[in-house]
Protein backbone atom coordinates (compact mmCIF):
# COMPACT_ATOMS: atom_id res chain seq x y z
CA MET A 1 34.07 20.06 -6.84
CA LYS A 2 36.89 17.72 -7.24
CA CYS A 3 38.31 17.32 -10.72
CA TYR A 4 40.04 14.16 -11.67
CA VAL A 5 42.83 14.63 -14.36
CA THR A 6 44.82 11.73 -15.54
CA THR A 7 47.08 10.49 -18.06
CA GLU A 8 45.75 6.87 -18.29
CA PRO A 9 42.36 5.45 -17.42
CA PHE A 10 41.59 4.55 -13.74
CA PRO A 11 41.20 0.82 -13.04
CA ARG A 12 37.72 -0.11 -14.26
CA SER A 13 35.65 -3.30 -15.12
CA GLY A 14 32.59 -3.69 -17.36
CA HIS A 15 33.92 -1.72 -20.15
CA ARG A 16 34.66 -2.74 -23.68
CA ILE A 17 37.69 -2.27 -26.02
CA VAL A 18 38.05 -2.60 -29.92
CA VAL A 19 41.18 -2.56 -31.72
CA ASP A 20 42.70 -1.64 -35.12
CA ASP A 21 46.25 -2.32 -36.07
CA GLY A 22 47.43 1.03 -34.58
CA ASN A 23 45.14 1.67 -31.54
CA LEU A 24 43.14 0.24 -28.60
CA TYR A 25 40.15 2.02 -27.96
CA SER A 26 38.42 1.59 -24.55
CA ILE A 27 34.79 2.82 -23.82
CA GLY A 28 32.84 2.94 -20.44
CA GLY A 29 33.60 0.48 -17.25
CA TYR A 30 32.79 0.63 -13.58
CA ASN A 31 34.77 1.17 -10.29
CA PRO A 32 32.84 1.14 -7.00
CA ASP A 33 35.72 3.43 -5.42
CA PHE A 34 33.99 6.31 -7.53
CA TRP A 35 30.48 6.19 -5.62
CA GLU A 36 31.08 9.13 -3.69
CA VAL A 37 33.14 11.14 -6.33
CA PRO A 38 30.93 14.24 -7.25
CA ASN A 39 29.61 14.44 -10.79
CA ASP A 40 29.72 17.40 -13.48
CA GLY A 41 27.53 17.48 -16.51
CA ASP A 42 29.98 15.33 -18.34
CA THR A 43 30.66 12.51 -15.79
CA TYR A 44 28.64 9.55 -14.52
CA TYR A 45 30.59 8.21 -11.65
CA PRO A 46 30.99 5.39 -10.35
CA LEU A 47 30.68 4.52 -14.23
CA PHE A 48 33.06 6.01 -16.86
CA ARG A 49 31.62 8.14 -19.35
CA GLU A 50 34.77 8.14 -21.14
CA LEU A 51 36.52 7.10 -24.52
CA TRP A 52 40.14 6.33 -24.25
CA LYS A 53 43.04 5.69 -27.13
CA PHE A 54 45.84 3.74 -26.34
CA ASN A 55 48.27 3.76 -29.13
CA PHE A 56 50.44 0.64 -29.62
CA ALA A 57 53.51 2.17 -31.03
CA ASN A 58 54.24 4.94 -28.26
CA ARG A 59 52.13 3.01 -25.42
CA LYS A 60 50.51 6.24 -24.60
CA TRP A 61 47.08 6.81 -23.64
CA THR A 62 44.89 9.86 -24.68
CA ARG A 63 41.31 10.58 -23.65
CA LEU A 64 39.36 11.51 -26.87
CA LYS A 65 37.06 14.41 -26.64
CA THR A 66 33.90 13.58 -28.47
CA ASN A 67 31.02 15.52 -29.70
CA GLY A 68 27.33 14.76 -29.79
CA PHE A 69 25.58 12.54 -26.72
CA MET A 70 27.66 9.89 -25.29
CA PRO A 71 25.58 7.10 -23.78
CA VAL A 72 25.48 6.65 -19.74
CA GLU A 73 24.75 3.12 -19.91
CA LEU A 74 28.30 2.14 -19.96
CA ALA A 75 28.76 -1.10 -17.93
CA SER A 76 28.53 -4.58 -19.56
CA HIS A 77 27.47 -3.13 -22.93
CA THR A 78 28.46 -4.30 -26.10
CA ALA A 79 30.91 -2.73 -28.59
CA LEU A 80 32.12 -3.64 -32.12
CA LEU A 81 34.37 -1.73 -34.56
CA HIS A 82 32.66 -1.48 -38.15
CA GLY A 83 34.78 0.23 -40.39
CA SER A 84 35.80 3.37 -38.86
CA ASN A 85 32.60 3.30 -36.48
CA LEU A 86 32.43 2.21 -32.93
CA MET A 87 29.17 0.70 -32.48
CA LEU A 88 27.50 0.36 -28.91
CA PHE A 89 24.20 -1.42 -27.98
CA GLY A 90 22.48 -2.04 -24.60
CA GLY A 91 24.21 -1.81 -21.24
CA THR A 92 23.47 -0.48 -17.85
CA GLY A 93 24.01 2.57 -15.85
CA VAL A 94 23.30 3.06 -12.18
CA PRO A 95 21.34 1.59 -10.48
CA PHE A 96 22.28 -1.74 -12.17
CA GLY A 97 19.56 -3.02 -14.07
CA GLU A 98 16.97 -0.42 -13.59
CA ALA A 99 18.94 1.88 -15.73
CA ALA A 100 19.53 -0.54 -18.59
CA CYS A 101 18.70 0.43 -22.09
CA ASN A 102 18.48 -1.04 -25.61
CA ASN A 103 19.70 1.86 -27.88
CA LEU A 104 22.09 1.64 -30.38
CA HIS A 105 24.74 4.33 -30.42
CA ILE A 106 27.69 4.95 -33.00
CA CYS A 107 30.71 7.16 -32.75
CA ASN A 108 32.72 7.77 -35.67
CA LEU A 109 36.56 7.50 -34.80
CA ASN A 110 37.63 9.81 -37.38
CA SER A 111 35.06 12.70 -36.72
CA LEU A 112 34.58 11.70 -32.98
CA ILE A 113 30.91 12.41 -33.18
CA TRP A 114 28.44 10.41 -31.61
CA GLN A 115 24.87 9.50 -33.07
CA HIS A 116 21.97 7.65 -31.63
CA VAL A 117 20.51 5.46 -34.42
CA ALA A 118 16.76 5.62 -34.25
CA CYS A 119 16.12 2.11 -35.33
CA GLU A 120 12.55 0.65 -36.29
CA GLY A 121 10.91 -2.99 -35.76
CA GLU A 122 11.24 -5.11 -32.43
CA PRO A 123 14.58 -4.53 -30.60
CA PRO A 124 15.70 -6.36 -27.54
CA ILE A 125 14.25 -5.58 -24.31
CA ARG A 126 16.57 -3.45 -22.12
CA LEU A 127 19.38 -5.34 -21.04
CA TYR A 128 23.07 -5.87 -20.06
CA GLY A 129 25.39 -8.43 -20.36
CA HIS A 130 24.50 -9.55 -23.87
CA SER A 131 26.75 -10.49 -26.77
CA MET A 132 26.72 -8.91 -30.29
CA THR A 133 28.24 -9.86 -33.58
CA ILE A 134 27.91 -8.78 -37.35
CA VAL A 135 26.97 -11.21 -39.77
CA GLY A 136 26.81 -9.62 -43.30
CA GLN A 137 24.52 -7.11 -43.02
CA TYR A 138 22.78 -8.14 -39.87
CA LEU A 139 24.01 -7.17 -36.24
CA TYR A 140 22.96 -10.11 -34.05
CA VAL A 141 22.38 -9.49 -30.11
CA PHE A 142 21.90 -12.84 -27.97
CA GLY A 143 20.84 -13.27 -24.19
CA GLY A 144 21.63 -10.67 -21.44
CA THR A 145 20.01 -9.86 -18.46
CA THR A 146 17.52 -7.22 -16.86
CA GLY A 147 19.14 -7.62 -13.65
CA TRP A 148 16.49 -10.17 -12.61
CA GLU A 149 15.87 -12.32 -15.46
CA TYR A 150 18.09 -13.91 -17.86
CA ASN A 151 17.15 -14.52 -21.48
CA ALA A 152 18.12 -16.46 -24.48
CA ASP A 153 16.50 -14.27 -26.90
CA LEU A 154 17.95 -13.89 -30.44
CA HIS A 155 17.43 -10.47 -32.44
CA ARG A 156 18.96 -9.20 -35.38
CA LEU A 157 19.33 -5.72 -36.80
CA ASP A 158 19.16 -4.97 -40.76
CA MET A 159 21.94 -2.37 -41.08
CA SER A 160 20.68 -1.64 -44.55
CA ARG A 161 17.36 -0.10 -43.14
CA TRP A 162 17.88 -0.14 -39.31
CA VAL A 163 15.09 -2.39 -38.37
CA TRP A 164 15.22 -4.69 -35.64
CA GLU A 165 13.49 -8.35 -35.97
CA VAL A 166 13.25 -11.26 -33.39
CA VAL A 167 14.71 -14.33 -34.87
CA LYS A 168 12.28 -17.31 -33.99
CA ALA A 169 14.04 -20.46 -33.92
CA ASN A 170 12.52 -23.85 -34.80
CA ASN A 171 13.43 -25.50 -31.51
CA GLU A 172 14.11 -24.84 -27.89
CA PRO A 173 17.03 -22.17 -27.19
CA PRO A 174 19.76 -22.77 -24.72
CA ASP A 175 19.44 -21.51 -21.14
CA GLY A 176 19.35 -17.86 -20.57
CA ARG A 177 22.57 -16.03 -19.60
CA TYR A 178 24.70 -12.99 -19.54
CA ARG A 179 28.38 -12.36 -19.81
CA HIS A 180 29.01 -15.11 -22.32
CA GLU A 181 30.91 -14.70 -25.81
CA VAL A 182 29.90 -15.43 -29.16
CA ALA A 183 31.72 -16.33 -32.32
CA CYS A 184 30.88 -16.80 -35.86
CA HIS A 185 31.96 -19.46 -38.44
CA ALA A 186 30.06 -20.45 -41.67
CA ARG A 187 26.95 -18.72 -40.70
CA LYS A 188 26.78 -20.35 -37.41
CA LEU A 189 26.85 -18.59 -33.83
CA TYR A 190 28.73 -20.38 -31.08
CA VAL A 191 27.91 -19.56 -27.79
CA PHE A 192 30.76 -19.49 -25.01
CA GLY A 193 29.78 -20.05 -21.40
CA GLY A 194 28.30 -17.28 -19.41
CA GLY A 195 25.79 -17.89 -16.57
CA ARG A 196 23.60 -16.51 -14.02
CA SER A 197 24.04 -14.81 -10.56
CA ALA A 198 24.66 -18.55 -9.12
CA ALA A 199 25.61 -20.46 -12.18
CA SER A 200 28.04 -20.66 -14.87
CA TYR A 201 27.65 -22.77 -17.94
CA THR A 202 30.51 -25.33 -19.23
CA PHE A 203 32.30 -25.79 -22.27
CA LYS A 204 31.79 -29.69 -22.97
CA LYS A 205 28.79 -28.75 -25.34
CA ILE A 206 28.63 -25.33 -27.05
CA PRO A 207 24.94 -24.03 -28.09
CA VAL A 208 25.21 -23.25 -31.70
CA PHE A 209 22.54 -21.20 -33.73
CA GLU A 210 22.37 -22.18 -37.49
CA ILE A 211 21.69 -18.94 -39.10
CA ASP A 212 20.25 -20.71 -42.62
CA THR A 213 17.92 -23.01 -40.85
CA ASP A 214 16.70 -21.10 -37.63
CA THR A 215 17.78 -23.86 -35.44
CA TRP A 216 19.64 -24.33 -32.21
CA HIS A 217 22.16 -27.22 -31.66
CA HIS A 218 24.38 -28.34 -28.88
CA TYR A 219 27.58 -29.58 -30.50
CA SER A 220 29.91 -31.91 -28.33
CA CYS A 221 33.50 -30.84 -27.95
CA MET A 222 36.80 -32.53 -27.74
CA PRO A 223 38.77 -32.33 -24.77
CA ASP A 224 42.29 -31.24 -24.60
CA THR A 225 44.58 -34.28 -24.17
CA VAL A 226 45.91 -33.51 -20.72
CA HIS A 227 43.81 -30.77 -19.27
CA GLU A 228 40.37 -31.71 -20.66
CA PHE A 229 38.05 -28.93 -20.74
CA PRO A 230 37.87 -25.27 -19.57
CA ALA A 231 36.13 -24.95 -16.23
CA ALA A 232 32.59 -23.31 -16.16
CA ARG A 233 32.66 -19.50 -16.05
CA ARG A 234 31.09 -16.28 -16.91
CA CYS A 235 32.75 -12.76 -17.53
CA HIS A 236 35.56 -14.33 -19.33
CA SER A 237 36.68 -13.08 -22.75
CA CYS A 238 36.90 -14.55 -26.24
CA VAL A 239 38.38 -13.23 -29.58
CA GLN A 240 37.90 -15.02 -33.04
CA LEU A 241 41.05 -15.35 -35.54
CA GLN A 242 39.91 -17.05 -38.58
CA HIS A 243 38.18 -20.67 -37.51
CA ASP A 244 40.10 -20.41 -33.91
CA VAL A 245 38.38 -18.93 -30.84
CA TYR A 246 40.64 -17.84 -28.10
CA MET A 247 39.13 -17.61 -24.44
CA CYS A 248 40.59 -16.16 -21.24
CA GLY A 249 39.95 -15.13 -17.58
CA GLY A 250 36.44 -15.23 -16.19
CA TYR A 251 35.20 -16.45 -12.73
CA ASP A 252 32.43 -19.20 -11.60
CA GLY A 253 31.64 -17.12 -8.19
CA GLU A 254 34.19 -18.49 -6.31
CA THR A 255 37.47 -18.76 -8.70
CA ILE A 256 38.86 -15.98 -10.84
CA PHE A 257 40.63 -17.71 -13.89
CA GLY A 258 43.89 -16.71 -15.54
CA ASP A 259 43.85 -19.58 -18.12
CA PHE A 260 44.23 -19.24 -21.81
CA TRP A 261 42.35 -21.57 -24.17
CA ALA A 262 41.72 -22.11 -27.85
CA LEU A 263 38.69 -23.98 -29.63
CA ASP A 264 39.26 -24.94 -33.49
CA LEU A 265 35.80 -24.42 -34.80
CA LEU A 266 36.29 -26.90 -37.56
CA THR A 267 37.30 -29.95 -35.24
CA LEU A 268 35.50 -28.61 -32.10
CA GLN A 269 38.83 -29.56 -30.30
CA TRP A 270 40.04 -27.64 -27.13
CA ARG A 271 43.67 -26.76 -26.48
CA ARG A 272 45.09 -25.38 -23.27
CA LEU A 273 47.63 -22.87 -24.49
CA HIS A 274 50.90 -22.89 -22.61
CA THR A 275 50.89 -19.15 -21.52
CA ASP A 276 48.51 -17.86 -18.83
CA LEU A 277 47.72 -14.43 -18.17
CA PRO A 278 49.94 -12.37 -15.91
CA GLN A 279 47.10 -12.50 -13.37
CA PRO A 280 43.84 -13.85 -12.91
CA ILE A 281 41.01 -11.33 -14.14
CA TYR A 282 37.05 -11.20 -14.80
CA PHE A 283 34.82 -8.60 -16.17
CA HIS A 284 37.79 -7.44 -18.45
CA SER A 285 37.58 -7.01 -22.32
CA ALA A 286 39.68 -8.27 -25.16
CA ALA A 287 40.07 -7.86 -29.11
CA VAL A 288 42.33 -8.78 -31.69
CA THR A 289 43.91 -6.92 -34.44
CA THR A 290 43.80 -8.13 -38.02
CA SER A 291 47.42 -9.07 -37.80
CA GLY A 292 46.73 -11.57 -34.96
CA CYS A 293 47.87 -9.89 -31.81
CA MET A 294 45.34 -10.55 -29.05
CA VAL A 295 44.90 -7.57 -26.50
CA VAL A 296 43.48 -7.72 -23.12
CA CYS A 297 42.58 -4.87 -21.03
CA GLY A 298 41.31 -3.94 -17.34
CA GLY A 299 39.02 -6.02 -15.36
CA VAL A 300 38.36 -7.33 -11.69
CA THR A 301 41.72 -9.25 -10.16
CA LYS A 302 40.40 -9.60 -6.79
CA ILE A 303 36.62 -10.51 -6.33
CA ASP A 304 34.21 -7.51 -5.80
CA ASP A 305 37.38 -5.46 -4.72
CA LYS A 306 40.23 -4.79 -6.82
CA ARG A 307 40.26 -3.75 -10.41
CA THR A 308 43.40 -3.02 -12.96
CA SER A 309 43.72 -0.63 -16.20
CA LYS A 310 46.67 -2.98 -17.36
CA VAL A 311 46.89 -3.89 -21.03
CA TYR A 312 48.53 -7.12 -22.08
CA THR A 313 49.24 -8.51 -25.40
CA VAL A 314 49.93 -11.86 -27.05
CA TRP A 315 50.35 -12.92 -30.73
CA LEU A 316 48.05 -15.62 -31.87
CA LYS A 317 50.21 -16.59 -34.99
CA VAL A 318 53.59 -15.62 -35.95
CA PRO A 319 53.45 -12.09 -37.19
CA LYS A 320 54.54 -11.07 -40.57
CA LEU A 321 58.37 -9.96 -40.76
CA LYS A 322 56.82 -6.38 -41.35
CA GLU A 323 55.21 -6.32 -38.06
CA LEU A 324 58.14 -7.83 -36.04
CA CYS A 325 60.31 -5.03 -37.73
CA TRP A 326 57.91 -2.10 -36.64
CA GLN A 327 57.44 -3.84 -33.10
CA LEU A 328 61.26 -3.64 -32.59
CA LEU A 329 61.62 -0.24 -33.88
CA THR A 330 58.87 1.39 -32.00
CA GLN A 331 60.55 -0.55 -28.63
CA ALA A 332 63.86 1.27 -29.43
CA LEU A 333 62.42 4.60 -30.26
CA PRO A 334 59.74 4.88 -27.78
CA ASP A 335 59.26 8.57 -28.44
CA MET A 336 58.90 8.21 -32.26
CA ASP A 337 55.69 10.07 -32.44
CA GLN A 338 57.90 13.14 -31.55
CA ILE A 339 60.37 12.53 -34.28
CA PRO A 340 59.31 14.36 -37.86
CA GLN A 341 57.81 11.78 -40.18
CA LYS A 342 60.14 13.24 -42.98
CA HIS A 343 63.15 11.84 -40.93
CA LEU A 344 61.45 8.61 -40.40
CA LEU A 345 60.59 8.32 -44.17
CA GLU A 346 64.22 9.02 -44.93
CA ILE A 347 65.28 6.12 -42.71
CA GLY A 348 62.97 3.73 -44.66
CA VAL A 349 59.75 3.60 -42.52
CA PRO A 350 56.87 2.83 -44.45
CA ASN A 351 54.24 5.50 -44.94
CA ASP A 352 51.39 3.22 -43.91
CA LEU A 353 53.04 2.32 -40.62
CA LEU A 354 53.74 5.98 -39.89
CA GLY A 355 49.77 6.40 -39.66
CA ARG A 356 49.73 4.21 -36.87
CA LEU A 357 51.69 6.80 -34.61
CA SER A 358 48.53 8.75 -34.20
């Protein structure tokens, strides 16, 4: 049996990432080149049953060894970082769709122990390509597909009791979709794009769910003064920083996008940003640090063919001086993690920043 040992992740798509200020964590993903690779008790090729950490300071990847049962439905699942807990819901194994799930798994990133949370109530159906966000004590899941049907169901999980319930709207929901993104502001859920096998949704109007009234609306957006609106797409990524949502990549079935957009949720004004992705991608994943650094990882660069494992970063706001100094120091000392911390403290590196080296 062939054993694959690597110091960084193989190219992949359909994975998810989360970030804190020191590290990126990547879970799962898919690569069709691995269909014929034999599996052992820990692997699930062509999906990657793997949890990787990328340290921003030393720019090194580490494959994390976890304990407990890591799920196998690791394509188009959703992932969130809640405190020190990596929360995963749904997703599909192989065959796609037939092996979808509706389970909630949590991996504590300090102990690296997996837990399957036994929830009660009425959960979403087995699906993938859905969206997930946390509002207060509730975890909201919207949309997704079984592989054959696309839905617009909205569920929420009361994390204080681990009980699922269907959120029944007072009016008609938007069209069913998958591989969309969701943002939250002022107790409203904003749905960005997504689509079906042969359709993608536009950004001229945004479906919005008002949590306090259980009502769906379609808010009209303002176009960019030069570039108007983003093209319809699915399999893109969005991150939220305060009341701004930043979107990049995606595809519409024919075109892979590399453009970069922002929507102000207060004014609903779209802006085409002046920097694009280094290469067009879709089925990638993105996240943002609390300091305002957006991180993009992996994805498909050629339709149904070529994948990447590259990591890109962009600052969404001017970083604090402390962050700028830390970035310059880590660039000047790429092997800083090999220097005794006593020496680093003596030259004035703050103790809280030293914690980012692990």
